[in-house]
Amino acid sequence: MTDPVLKERLEKLIHEHGTMARVAQSIGVDVSYISYMLSGKREPSDEVAERLGLRRVVRYEPIGG
């Protein structure tokens, strides 16, 4: 499942740049990486997240509660 903040950011960048390929080029990754992130098959590395203007935050919740 794609994180909603990540998906929103990617969709915004795609809208601004016009294509996934242009977004990929602007942050220095392959277009398939963008596609995998959008589909939830891959999470960005910390470096790529930073290039997207994001940072990874981990959250914990109690089990069964």
Protein backbone atom coordinates (compact mmCIF):
# COMPACT_ATOMS: atom_id res chain seq x y z
CA MET A 1 0.00 0.00 0.00
CA THR A 2 1.36 3.40 -0.96
CA ASP A 3 1.71 5.93 1.83
CA PRO A 4 -0.87 8.65 1.14
CA VAL A 5 1.64 11.48 1.64
CA LEU A 6 4.11 9.86 -0.76
CA LYS A 7 1.38 9.23 -3.34
CA GLU A 8 0.12 12.80 -3.07
CA ARG A 9 3.64 14.19 -3.49
CA LEU A 10 4.36 11.99 -6.52
CA GLU A 11 1.05 12.88 -8.16
CA LYS A 12 1.72 16.58 -7.58
CA LEU A 13 5.17 16.31 -9.13
CA ILE A 14 3.82 14.37 -12.11
CA HIS A 15 1.21 17.07 -12.64
CA GLU A 16 3.85 19.82 -12.38
CA HIS A 17 6.40 18.07 -14.64
CA GLY A 18 3.90 16.58 -17.06
CA THR A 19 5.14 12.97 -17.02
CA MET A 20 6.59 10.35 -14.68
CA ALA A 21 9.68 10.29 -16.90
CA ARG A 22 10.35 13.96 -16.26
CA VAL A 23 9.91 13.52 -12.52
CA ALA A 24 12.28 10.56 -12.59
CA GLN A 25 14.85 12.56 -14.52
CA SER A 26 14.54 15.52 -12.15
CA ILE A 27 15.31 13.39 -9.08
CA GLY A 28 17.80 11.07 -10.76
CA VAL A 29 15.95 7.75 -10.74
CA ASP A 30 14.50 5.40 -13.35
CA VAL A 31 10.87 5.92 -14.33
CA SER A 32 10.08 2.38 -13.14
CA TYR A 33 11.10 3.46 -9.62
CA ILE A 34 8.40 6.16 -9.71
CA SER A 35 5.87 3.64 -10.98
CA TYR A 36 6.76 1.15 -8.24
CA MET A 37 6.46 3.81 -5.56
CA LEU A 38 3.04 4.87 -6.86
CA SER A 39 1.79 1.27 -6.87
CA GLY A 40 3.15 0.56 -3.38
CA LYS A 41 5.63 -2.05 -4.61
CA ARG A 42 8.61 -0.01 -3.46
CA GLU A 43 9.36 2.61 -0.85
CA PRO A 44 11.81 5.40 -1.57
CA SER A 45 15.24 5.25 -0.04
CA ASP A 46 15.94 8.04 2.43
CA GLU A 47 17.97 9.80 -0.27
CA VAL A 48 15.17 9.61 -2.84
CA ALA A 49 12.60 10.69 -0.24
CA GLU A 50 14.73 13.75 0.45
CA ARG A 51 14.89 14.53 -3.28
CA LEU A 52 11.09 14.35 -3.27
CA GLY A 53 11.00 16.84 -0.41
CA LEU A 54 9.94 14.20 2.13
CA ARG A 55 11.41 12.44 5.12
CA ARG A 56 10.67 8.99 6.48
CA VAL A 57 8.87 8.86 9.84
CA VAL A 58 8.31 5.55 11.61
CA ARG A 59 5.32 5.14 13.89
CA TYR A 60 4.62 2.35 16.38
CA GLU A 61 1.27 1.25 17.75
CA PRO A 62 0.37 -1.14 20.55
CA ILE A 63 -0.46 -4.72 19.59
CA GLY A 64 -4.11 -5.66 20.14
CA GLY A 65 -4.96 -2.38 21.71
